[in-house]
Amino acid sequence: MEDRVRFALEKLLNVANSDTGQSRRAASFLLAWWNAADNGGFDLTDLSNVDLDIAEDMVTIFTWLAREEELFYPTEYRGEIEQIIARWRPENIPA
């Protein structure tokens, strides 16, 4: 993963761990990447409902994903994603 993509991902992870509308949107973006079937998709109109910096981070990741031959999630961020699931999708935590 390129440094600029990693930086964008880490910024979005930090935003998603807050408790704001923008945080919810950042979480939805990340969780759709992680597992859209379980965590729901991402509404592209949410790009216009976040600060430009956040939208640009989403676009950075989206563009990078589009260029990859195989879609994957960097597993070294699994713990952070599990925290976001616990915050925003607690119904999806395995029993």
C-alpha atoms as a PDB file:
ATOM      1  CA  MET A   1       0.000   0.000   0.000  1.00  0.00           C
ATOM      2  CA  GLU A   2       1.357   3.393  -0.953  1.00  0.00           C
ATOM      3  CA  ASP A   3       2.153   5.829   1.845  1.00  0.00           C
ATOM      4  CA  ARG A   4      -0.442   8.362   0.672  1.00  0.00           C
ATOM      5  CA  VAL A   5      -3.138   5.676   0.767  1.00  0.00           C
ATOM      6  CA  ARG A   6      -2.047   4.456   4.191  1.00  0.00           C
ATOM      7  CA  PHE A   7      -2.099   8.048   5.466  1.00  0.00           C
ATOM      8  CA  ALA A   8      -5.629   8.576   4.080  1.00  0.00           C
ATOM      9  CA  LEU A   9      -6.796   5.303   5.657  1.00  0.00           C
ATOM     10  CA  GLU A  10      -5.348   6.188   9.047  1.00  0.00           C
ATOM     11  CA  LYS A  11      -6.971   9.615   8.963  1.00  0.00           C
ATOM     12  CA  LEU A  12     -10.346   8.056   8.138  1.00  0.00           C
ATOM     13  CA  LEU A  13      -9.943   5.497  10.914  1.00  0.00           C
ATOM     14  CA  ASN A  14      -9.357   8.348  13.368  1.00  0.00           C
ATOM     15  CA  VAL A  15     -12.400  10.247  12.118  1.00  0.00           C
ATOM     16  CA  ALA A  16     -14.582   7.124  12.271  1.00  0.00           C
ATOM     17  CA  ASN A  17     -13.740   6.639  15.950  1.00  0.00           C
ATOM     18  CA  SER A  18     -15.420   9.927  16.898  1.00  0.00           C
ATOM     19  CA  ASP A  19     -19.134  10.511  17.360  1.00  0.00           C
ATOM     20  CA  THR A  20     -20.267  12.942  14.652  1.00  0.00           C
ATOM     21  CA  GLY A  21     -22.170  12.775  11.384  1.00  0.00           C
ATOM     22  CA  GLN A  22     -18.886  12.923   9.529  1.00  0.00           C
ATOM     23  CA  SER A  23     -17.588  10.089  11.698  1.00  0.00           C
ATOM     24  CA  ARG A  24     -20.616   7.986  10.806  1.00  0.00           C
ATOM     25  CA  ARG A  25     -20.019   8.627   7.120  1.00  0.00           C
ATOM     26  CA  ALA A  26     -16.309   7.799   7.374  1.00  0.00           C
ATOM     27  CA  ALA A  27     -17.228   4.613   9.246  1.00  0.00           C
ATOM     28  CA  SER A  28     -19.765   3.663   6.578  1.00  0.00           C
ATOM     29  CA  PHE A  29     -17.124   4.110   3.888  1.00  0.00           C
ATOM     30  CA  LEU A  30     -14.577   1.958   5.715  1.00  0.00           C
ATOM     31  CA  LEU A  31     -17.089  -0.695   6.728  1.00  0.00           C
ATOM     32  CA  ALA A  32     -18.430  -0.977   3.173  1.00  0.00           C
ATOM     33  CA  TRP A  33     -14.869  -1.724   2.099  1.00  0.00           C
ATOM     34  CA  TRP A  34     -14.389  -4.213   4.952  1.00  0.00           C
ATOM     35  CA  ASN A  35     -17.633  -6.117   4.334  1.00  0.00           C
ATOM     36  CA  ALA A  36     -20.539  -4.367   2.613  1.00  0.00           C
ATOM     37  CA  ALA A  37     -22.766  -7.447   2.822  1.00  0.00           C
ATOM     38  CA  ASP A  38     -22.653  -7.380   6.638  1.00  0.00           C
ATOM     39  CA  ASN A  39     -22.027  -3.698   7.345  1.00  0.00           C
ATOM     40  CA  GLY A  40     -23.992  -1.954   4.620  1.00  0.00           C
ATOM     41  CA  GLY A  41     -22.906   0.002   1.614  1.00  0.00           C
ATOM     42  CA  PHE A  42     -21.693   3.543   1.241  1.00  0.00           C
ATOM     43  CA  ASP A  43     -24.015   6.223  -0.108  1.00  0.00           C
ATOM     44  CA  LEU A  44     -21.964   8.279  -2.568  1.00  0.00           C
ATOM     45  CA  THR A  45     -24.031  11.372  -1.742  1.00  0.00           C
ATOM     46  CA  ASP A  46     -22.254  11.306   1.629  1.00  0.00           C
ATOM     47  CA  LEU A  47     -19.171  12.646  -0.168  1.00  0.00           C
ATOM     48  CA  SER A  48     -20.903  16.023  -0.257  1.00  0.00           C
ATOM     49  CA  ASN A  49     -21.743  15.798   3.452  1.00  0.00           C
ATOM     50  CA  VAL A  50     -18.196  15.563   4.788  1.00  0.00           C
ATOM     51  CA  ASP A  51     -15.384  18.086   4.911  1.00  0.00           C
ATOM     52  CA  LEU A  52     -13.295  18.292   1.768  1.00  0.00           C
ATOM     53  CA  ASP A  53     -10.279  16.700   3.517  1.00  0.00           C
ATOM     54  CA  ILE A  54     -12.332  13.656   4.469  1.00  0.00           C
ATOM     55  CA  ALA A  55     -13.836  13.390   0.983  1.00  0.00           C
ATOM     56  CA  GLU A  56     -10.362  13.577  -0.548  1.00  0.00           C
ATOM     57  CA  ASP A  57      -9.165  10.755   1.724  1.00  0.00           C
ATOM     58  CA  MET A  58     -12.117   8.635   0.588  1.00  0.00           C
ATOM     59  CA  VAL A  59     -11.344   9.415  -3.049  1.00  0.00           C
ATOM     60  CA  THR A  60      -7.670   8.520  -2.507  1.00  0.00           C
ATOM     61  CA  ILE A  61      -8.641   5.099  -1.179  1.00  0.00           C
ATOM     62  CA  PHE A  62     -11.345   4.558  -3.784  1.00  0.00           C
ATOM     63  CA  THR A  63      -8.949   5.415  -6.623  1.00  0.00           C
ATOM     64  CA  TRP A  64      -6.279   3.130  -5.196  1.00  0.00           C
ATOM     65  CA  LEU A  65      -8.784   0.278  -4.863  1.00  0.00           C
ATOM     66  CA  ALA A  66      -9.920   0.760  -8.469  1.00  0.00           C
ATOM     67  CA  ARG A  67      -6.352   0.266  -9.651  1.00  0.00           C
ATOM     68  CA  GLU A  68      -5.710  -2.875  -7.618  1.00  0.00           C
ATOM     69  CA  GLU A  69      -6.138  -6.209  -9.356  1.00  0.00           C
ATOM     70  CA  GLU A  70      -7.558  -7.800  -6.220  1.00  0.00           C
ATOM     71  CA  LEU A  71      -9.672  -6.070  -3.591  1.00  0.00           C
ATOM     72  CA  PHE A  72      -8.374  -6.569  -0.066  1.00  0.00           C
ATOM     73  CA  TYR A  73      -8.372  -4.881   3.287  1.00  0.00           C
ATOM     74  CA  PRO A  74      -5.052  -4.379   5.066  1.00  0.00           C
ATOM     75  CA  THR A  75      -5.377  -6.838   7.937  1.00  0.00           C
ATOM     76  CA  GLU A  76      -2.952  -4.888  10.117  1.00  0.00           C
ATOM     77  CA  TYR A  77      -5.895  -2.514  10.714  1.00  0.00           C
ATOM     78  CA  ARG A  78      -8.302  -5.264  11.794  1.00  0.00           C
ATOM     79  CA  GLY A  79      -8.321  -4.082  15.422  1.00  0.00           C
ATOM     80  CA  GLU A  80      -9.276  -0.553  14.425  1.00  0.00           C
ATOM     81  CA  ILE A  81     -12.034  -1.843  12.152  1.00  0.00           C
ATOM     82  CA  GLU A  82     -13.397  -4.048  14.937  1.00  0.00           C
ATOM     83  CA  GLN A  83     -13.561  -0.955  17.173  1.00  0.00           C
ATOM     84  CA  ILE A  84     -15.496   0.886  14.470  1.00  0.00           C
ATOM     85  CA  ILE A  85     -17.872  -2.062  14.073  1.00  0.00           C
ATOM     86  CA  ALA A  86     -18.421  -2.071  17.846  1.00  0.00           C
ATOM     87  CA  ARG A  87     -19.199   1.658  17.773  1.00  0.00           C
ATOM     88  CA  TRP A  88     -21.295   1.910  14.599  1.00  0.00           C
ATOM     89  CA  ARG A  89     -22.570  -1.634  13.904  1.00  0.00           C
ATOM     90  CA  PRO A  90     -22.737  -3.365  17.314  1.00  0.00           C
ATOM     91  CA  GLU A  91     -25.376  -5.753  15.976  1.00  0.00           C
ATOM     92  CA  ASN A  92     -22.663  -7.218  13.708  1.00  0.00           C
ATOM     93  CA  ILE A  93     -20.299  -8.252  16.494  1.00  0.00           C
ATOM     94  CA  PRO A  94     -20.055 -12.060  16.588  1.00  0.00           C
ATOM     95  CA  ALA A  95     -21.538 -13.589  19.713  1.00  0.00           C
END
